N, C-alpha and C. Protein backbone atom coordinates (compact mmCIF):
# COMPACT_ATOMS: atom_id res chain seq x y z
N UNK A 1 5.54 -6.47 14.96
CA UNK A 1 5.14 -6.12 13.63
C UNK A 1 6.23 -5.46 12.84
N UNK A 2 6.27 -5.58 11.55
CA UNK A 2 7.28 -4.93 10.62
C UNK A 2 6.65 -4.20 9.45
N UNK A 3 7.35 -3.43 9.08
CA UNK A 3 7.02 -2.68 7.92
C UNK A 3 7.85 -3.18 6.80
N UNK A 4 7.19 -3.83 5.62
CA UNK A 4 7.94 -4.48 4.62
C UNK A 4 7.55 -3.85 3.28
N UNK A 5 8.70 -4.09 2.47
CA UNK A 5 8.35 -3.61 1.07
C UNK A 5 8.78 -4.95 0.23
N UNK A 6 7.73 -4.95 -0.71
CA UNK A 6 7.85 -6.35 -1.52
C UNK A 6 6.98 -6.03 -2.91
N UNK A 7 7.15 -6.64 -3.95
CA UNK A 7 6.74 -6.92 -5.27
C UNK A 7 5.66 -8.04 -5.19
N UNK A 8 4.49 -7.95 -5.50
CA UNK A 8 3.43 -9.04 -5.60
C UNK A 8 2.66 -8.90 -6.73
N UNK A 9 2.12 -10.23 -7.25
CA UNK A 9 1.18 -10.22 -8.44
C UNK A 9 -0.15 -9.65 -7.98
N UNK A 10 -1.14 -9.09 -8.88
CA UNK A 10 -2.15 -8.59 -8.56
C UNK A 10 -3.18 -9.55 -7.61
N UNK A 11 -3.20 -10.91 -8.16
CA UNK A 11 -4.15 -11.88 -7.61
C UNK A 11 -3.58 -12.23 -6.05
N UNK A 12 -2.26 -12.32 -5.91
CA UNK A 12 -1.84 -12.60 -4.61
C UNK A 12 -2.13 -11.41 -3.69
N UNK A 13 -1.95 -10.19 -4.18
CA UNK A 13 -2.10 -8.93 -3.35
C UNK A 13 -3.58 -9.01 -2.84
N UNK A 14 -4.69 -9.36 -3.78
CA UNK A 14 -6.09 -9.50 -3.43
C UNK A 14 -6.19 -10.43 -2.35
N UNK A 15 -5.51 -11.74 -2.47
CA UNK A 15 -5.65 -12.86 -1.68
C UNK A 15 -5.41 -12.32 0.00
N UNK A 16 -4.18 -11.60 0.11
CA UNK A 16 -3.62 -11.15 1.13
C UNK A 16 -4.65 -10.08 1.83
N UNK A 17 -5.15 -9.24 0.90
CA UNK A 17 -6.20 -8.21 1.49
C UNK A 17 -7.44 -8.99 2.00
N UNK A 18 -7.99 -9.95 1.15
CA UNK A 18 -9.08 -10.76 1.60
C UNK A 18 -8.93 -11.57 2.95
N UNK A 19 -7.76 -11.99 3.14
CA UNK A 19 -7.61 -12.81 4.30
C UNK A 19 -6.98 -11.86 5.45
N UNK A 20 -7.07 -10.63 5.27
CA UNK A 20 -6.54 -9.48 6.23
C UNK A 20 -5.10 -9.97 6.82
N UNK A 21 -4.36 -10.28 5.86
CA UNK A 21 -2.90 -10.59 6.40
C UNK A 21 -2.06 -9.29 6.54
N UNK A 22 -2.55 -8.20 6.06
CA UNK A 22 -1.78 -6.98 5.98
C UNK A 22 -2.35 -6.09 6.93
N UNK A 23 -1.68 -5.75 8.02
CA UNK A 23 -2.33 -4.94 9.04
C UNK A 23 -2.76 -3.51 8.60
N UNK A 24 -1.75 -2.99 7.88
CA UNK A 24 -1.91 -1.49 7.27
C UNK A 24 -1.10 -1.43 5.90
N UNK A 25 -1.63 -0.81 4.86
CA UNK A 25 -1.02 -0.50 3.68
C UNK A 25 -0.52 0.78 3.65
N UNK A 26 0.71 0.95 3.45
CA UNK A 26 1.14 2.46 3.29
C UNK A 26 1.28 2.96 1.83
N UNK A 27 1.51 2.15 1.07
CA UNK A 27 1.93 2.45 -0.32
C UNK A 27 1.75 1.33 -1.20
N UNK A 28 0.99 1.81 -2.39
CA UNK A 28 0.76 0.71 -3.43
C UNK A 28 1.11 1.45 -4.61
N UNK A 29 2.07 0.81 -5.54
CA UNK A 29 2.44 1.34 -6.82
C UNK A 29 1.98 0.29 -7.83
N UNK A 30 1.13 0.54 -8.72
CA UNK A 30 0.83 -0.37 -9.76
C UNK A 30 1.89 -0.37 -10.74
N UNK A 31 2.59 -1.44 -11.17
CA UNK A 31 3.83 -1.46 -12.02
C UNK A 31 3.26 -2.00 -13.35
N UNK A 32 1.98 -1.78 -13.56
CA UNK A 32 1.46 -2.02 -14.98
C UNK A 32 0.90 -3.37 -15.09
N UNK A 33 -0.11 -3.38 -16.10
CA UNK A 33 -0.92 -4.71 -16.58
C UNK A 33 0.08 -5.75 -17.25
N UNK A 34 1.02 -5.10 -17.98
CA UNK A 34 1.91 -6.07 -18.59
C UNK A 34 2.74 -6.78 -17.80
N UNK A 35 3.27 -6.01 -16.56
CA UNK A 35 4.06 -6.72 -15.50
C UNK A 35 3.01 -7.58 -14.50
N UNK A 36 1.88 -7.02 -14.36
CA UNK A 36 0.98 -7.66 -13.47
C UNK A 36 1.36 -7.86 -12.20
N UNK A 37 1.94 -6.67 -11.66
CA UNK A 37 2.55 -6.57 -10.30
C UNK A 37 2.20 -5.30 -9.63
N UNK A 38 2.48 -5.32 -8.24
CA UNK A 38 2.27 -4.10 -7.58
C UNK A 38 3.60 -4.02 -6.55
N UNK A 39 4.09 -2.82 -6.30
CA UNK A 39 5.10 -2.71 -5.21
C UNK A 39 4.57 -2.09 -4.11
N UNK A 40 4.47 -2.77 -3.06
CA UNK A 40 3.67 -2.64 -1.84
C UNK A 40 4.79 -2.12 -0.67
N UNK A 41 4.27 -1.21 0.26
CA UNK A 41 4.85 -1.04 1.44
C UNK A 41 3.72 -1.35 2.49
N UNK A 42 3.80 -2.23 3.59
CA UNK A 42 2.77 -2.46 4.38
C UNK A 42 3.28 -3.14 5.74
N UNK A 43 2.46 -2.71 6.75
CA UNK A 43 2.75 -3.29 8.03
C UNK A 43 2.24 -4.64 8.33
N UNK A 44 2.99 -5.55 8.70
CA UNK A 44 2.79 -7.14 8.58
C UNK A 44 2.97 -7.55 10.03
N UNK A 45 1.84 -8.06 10.47
CA UNK A 45 2.03 -8.78 11.91
C UNK A 45 2.76 -10.06 11.81
N UNK A 46 3.58 -10.45 12.87
CA UNK A 46 4.52 -11.45 12.93
C UNK A 46 3.81 -12.94 12.45
N UNK A 47 2.59 -13.14 12.96
CA UNK A 47 2.06 -14.39 12.42
C UNK A 47 1.50 -14.30 11.03
N UNK A 48 1.61 -13.28 10.37
CA UNK A 48 1.18 -13.12 8.83
C UNK A 48 2.45 -13.17 8.00
N UNK A 49 3.65 -13.18 8.39
CA UNK A 49 4.83 -13.00 7.84
C UNK A 49 5.09 -14.03 6.81
N UNK A 50 4.88 -15.34 7.27
CA UNK A 50 4.96 -16.48 6.34
C UNK A 50 4.19 -16.38 5.10
N UNK A 51 2.95 -16.13 5.30
CA UNK A 51 1.80 -15.94 4.18
C UNK A 51 2.28 -14.89 3.30
N UNK A 52 2.79 -13.69 3.73
CA UNK A 52 3.41 -12.65 2.88
C UNK A 52 4.55 -13.00 2.02
N UNK A 53 5.54 -13.76 2.69
CA UNK A 53 6.74 -14.22 2.22
C UNK A 53 6.18 -15.33 0.95
N UNK A 54 5.41 -16.21 1.32
CA UNK A 54 4.90 -17.29 0.11
C UNK A 54 4.33 -16.47 -0.91
N UNK A 55 3.60 -15.62 -0.94
CA UNK A 55 2.88 -14.90 -2.16
C UNK A 55 3.70 -13.75 -2.72
N UNK A 56 4.77 -13.25 -2.03
CA UNK A 56 5.44 -12.01 -2.68
C UNK A 56 6.39 -12.55 -3.72
N UNK A 57 6.55 -11.87 -4.66
CA UNK A 57 7.36 -12.19 -6.05
C UNK A 57 8.83 -12.04 -5.55
N UNK A 58 9.23 -11.26 -4.57
CA UNK A 58 10.58 -11.14 -4.12
C UNK A 58 10.52 -11.13 -2.77
N UNK A 59 11.81 -11.37 -2.07
CA UNK A 59 11.96 -11.46 -0.75
C UNK A 59 11.57 -10.10 -0.14
N UNK A 60 10.51 -10.00 0.81
CA UNK A 60 10.19 -8.85 1.51
C UNK A 60 11.40 -8.31 2.23
N UNK A 61 11.54 -7.06 2.14
CA UNK A 61 12.59 -6.34 3.04
C UNK A 61 12.12 -5.24 3.94
N UNK A 62 12.62 -5.23 5.29
CA UNK A 62 12.14 -4.09 6.00
C UNK A 62 12.51 -2.69 5.51
N UNK A 63 11.65 -1.82 5.78
CA UNK A 63 11.87 -0.33 5.44
C UNK A 63 11.61 0.51 6.60
N UNK A 64 12.02 1.71 6.58
CA UNK A 64 11.50 2.87 7.47
C UNK A 64 10.36 3.49 6.90
N UNK A 65 9.45 3.78 7.64
CA UNK A 65 8.08 4.61 7.15
C UNK A 65 7.88 5.54 8.34
N UNK A 66 7.45 6.65 7.94
CA UNK A 66 7.63 7.32 6.60
C UNK A 66 9.16 7.64 6.11
N UNK A 67 9.06 7.39 4.88
CA UNK A 67 10.57 7.69 4.14
C UNK A 67 11.02 9.18 4.54
N UNK A 68 12.03 9.19 4.88
CA UNK A 68 12.70 10.50 5.10
C UNK A 68 13.55 11.22 4.05
């Protein structure tokens, strides 16, 4: 499992949540309706990594959580 940070459109985030692709969501920041994106920090299982990469608006990057 990896903790990743990524930006994603609202609809794609909903898809990942419905498909249970995110093991745990630590932080969700709404970037606004005009941008139609969230900034997410989530725990992702290895088998779900490709699905997250496909739907993310940018390349997910590993992060340390909690932030120090």
